[in-house]
Amino acid sequence: MARGESPEMIRASIEETRRELTFSVNDLRSKVTNWRGQLVRNRKAALIGAAVAGFVVGGGVAATVSIISGRR
């Protein structure tokens, strides 16, 4: 607590912080809960990303197995 601040000033500061947090939480909630809509709007990009990720993971698994088994 800063010196010289009255209890009323501290309460006002707390209330302002509370309002800002409420706004931020509501904004974040609307963005997070709308992931299905974002997926529908960006279906092509999501499918391409999933395919690339699968290819990379599959190649990594295959490379790891070949290293472990001693095949080249």
C-alpha atoms as a PDB file:
ATOM      1  CA  MET A   1       0.000   0.000   0.000  1.00  0.00           C
ATOM      2  CA  ALA A   2       1.414   3.377  -0.972  1.00  0.00           C
ATOM      3  CA  ARG A   3       1.778   5.945   1.767  1.00  0.00           C
ATOM      4  CA  GLY A   4      -0.637   8.812   1.659  1.00  0.00           C
ATOM      5  CA  GLU A   5      -3.431   6.917  -0.065  1.00  0.00           C
ATOM      6  CA  SER A   6      -6.708   7.127   1.727  1.00  0.00           C
ATOM      7  CA  PRO A   7      -8.909   4.049   2.155  1.00  0.00           C
ATOM      8  CA  GLU A   8     -11.355   5.600  -0.322  1.00  0.00           C
ATOM      9  CA  MET A   9      -8.622   5.909  -2.962  1.00  0.00           C
ATOM     10  CA  ILE A  10      -7.574   2.312  -2.398  1.00  0.00           C
ATOM     11  CA  ARG A  11     -11.196   1.130  -2.700  1.00  0.00           C
ATOM     12  CA  ALA A  12     -11.620   3.119  -5.922  1.00  0.00           C
ATOM     13  CA  SER A  13      -8.444   1.587  -7.311  1.00  0.00           C
ATOM     14  CA  ILE A  14      -9.644  -1.910  -6.404  1.00  0.00           C
ATOM     15  CA  GLU A  15     -13.019  -1.278  -8.058  1.00  0.00           C
ATOM     16  CA  GLU A  16     -11.347  -0.002 -11.245  1.00  0.00           C
ATOM     17  CA  THR A  17      -9.097  -3.065 -11.346  1.00  0.00           C
ATOM     18  CA  ARG A  18     -12.126  -5.286 -10.808  1.00  0.00           C
ATOM     19  CA  ARG A  19     -13.953  -3.656 -13.749  1.00  0.00           C
ATOM     20  CA  GLU A  20     -10.901  -4.076 -15.993  1.00  0.00           C
ATOM     21  CA  LEU A  21     -10.539  -7.733 -15.001  1.00  0.00           C
ATOM     22  CA  THR A  22     -14.220  -8.381 -15.642  1.00  0.00           C
ATOM     23  CA  PHE A  23     -13.895  -6.918 -19.134  1.00  0.00           C
ATOM     24  CA  SER A  24     -10.744  -8.944 -19.855  1.00  0.00           C
ATOM     25  CA  VAL A  25     -12.259 -12.209 -18.620  1.00  0.00           C
ATOM     26  CA  ASN A  26     -15.418 -11.693 -20.672  1.00  0.00           C
ATOM     27  CA  ASP A  27     -13.367 -10.856 -23.774  1.00  0.00           C
ATOM     28  CA  LEU A  28     -11.211 -13.943 -23.325  1.00  0.00           C
ATOM     29  CA  ARG A  29     -14.249 -16.120 -22.665  1.00  0.00           C
ATOM     30  CA  SER A  30     -15.872 -15.025 -25.927  1.00  0.00           C
ATOM     31  CA  LYS A  31     -12.708 -15.828 -27.868  1.00  0.00           C
ATOM     32  CA  VAL A  32     -12.139 -19.219 -26.253  1.00  0.00           C
ATOM     33  CA  THR A  33     -15.718 -20.461 -26.386  1.00  0.00           C
ATOM     34  CA  ASN A  34     -16.011 -19.576 -30.062  1.00  0.00           C
ATOM     35  CA  TRP A  35     -13.290 -22.003 -31.206  1.00  0.00           C
ATOM     36  CA  ARG A  36     -15.803 -24.116 -33.114  1.00  0.00           C
ATOM     37  CA  GLY A  37     -16.884 -21.138 -35.183  1.00  0.00           C
ATOM     38  CA  GLN A  38     -13.264 -20.265 -35.896  1.00  0.00           C
ATOM     39  CA  LEU A  39     -12.603 -23.851 -36.965  1.00  0.00           C
ATOM     40  CA  VAL A  40     -15.574 -23.814 -39.326  1.00  0.00           C
ATOM     41  CA  ARG A  41     -14.464 -20.512 -40.862  1.00  0.00           C
ATOM     42  CA  ASN A  42     -10.887 -21.744 -41.278  1.00  0.00           C
ATOM     43  CA  ARG A  43     -11.574 -25.388 -42.122  1.00  0.00           C
ATOM     44  CA  LYS A  44      -9.160 -25.561 -45.069  1.00  0.00           C
ATOM     45  CA  ALA A  45      -6.241 -24.117 -43.099  1.00  0.00           C
ATOM     46  CA  ALA A  46      -7.000 -26.400 -40.143  1.00  0.00           C
ATOM     47  CA  LEU A  47      -7.040 -29.489 -42.377  1.00  0.00           C
ATOM     48  CA  ILE A  48      -3.779 -28.510 -44.052  1.00  0.00           C
ATOM     49  CA  GLY A  49      -2.191 -27.871 -40.663  1.00  0.00           C
ATOM     50  CA  ALA A  50      -3.391 -31.214 -39.330  1.00  0.00           C
ATOM     51  CA  ALA A  51      -2.061 -33.025 -42.407  1.00  0.00           C
ATOM     52  CA  VAL A  52       1.349 -31.356 -42.114  1.00  0.00           C
ATOM     53  CA  ALA A  53       1.509 -32.095 -38.385  1.00  0.00           C
ATOM     54  CA  GLY A  54       0.607 -35.739 -39.025  1.00  0.00           C
ATOM     55  CA  PHE A  55       3.251 -36.013 -41.730  1.00  0.00           C
ATOM     56  CA  VAL A  56       5.930 -34.510 -39.471  1.00  0.00           C
ATOM     57  CA  VAL A  57       4.986 -36.642 -36.465  1.00  0.00           C
ATOM     58  CA  GLY A  58       4.777 -39.782 -38.614  1.00  0.00           C
ATOM     59  CA  GLY A  59       8.180 -39.080 -40.138  1.00  0.00           C
ATOM     60  CA  GLY A  60       9.654 -38.467 -36.710  1.00  0.00           C
ATOM     61  CA  VAL A  61       8.268 -41.746 -35.405  1.00  0.00           C
ATOM     62  CA  ALA A  62       9.560 -43.626 -38.449  1.00  0.00           C
ATOM     63  CA  ALA A  63      13.000 -42.047 -38.101  1.00  0.00           C
ATOM     64  CA  THR A  64      13.139 -42.853 -34.404  1.00  0.00           C
ATOM     65  CA  VAL A  65      12.170 -46.478 -34.996  1.00  0.00           C
ATOM     66  CA  SER A  66      14.787 -46.836 -37.732  1.00  0.00           C
ATOM     67  CA  ILE A  67      17.478 -45.386 -35.468  1.00  0.00           C
ATOM     68  CA  ILE A  68      16.509 -47.654 -32.580  1.00  0.00           C
ATOM     69  CA  SER A  69      16.329 -50.764 -34.743  1.00  0.00           C
ATOM     70  CA  GLY A  70      19.610 -49.924 -36.479  1.00  0.00           C
ATOM     71  CA  ARG A  71      18.122 -49.772 -39.987  1.00  0.00           C
ATOM     72  CA  ARG A  72      19.162 -47.134 -42.468  1.00  0.00           C
END
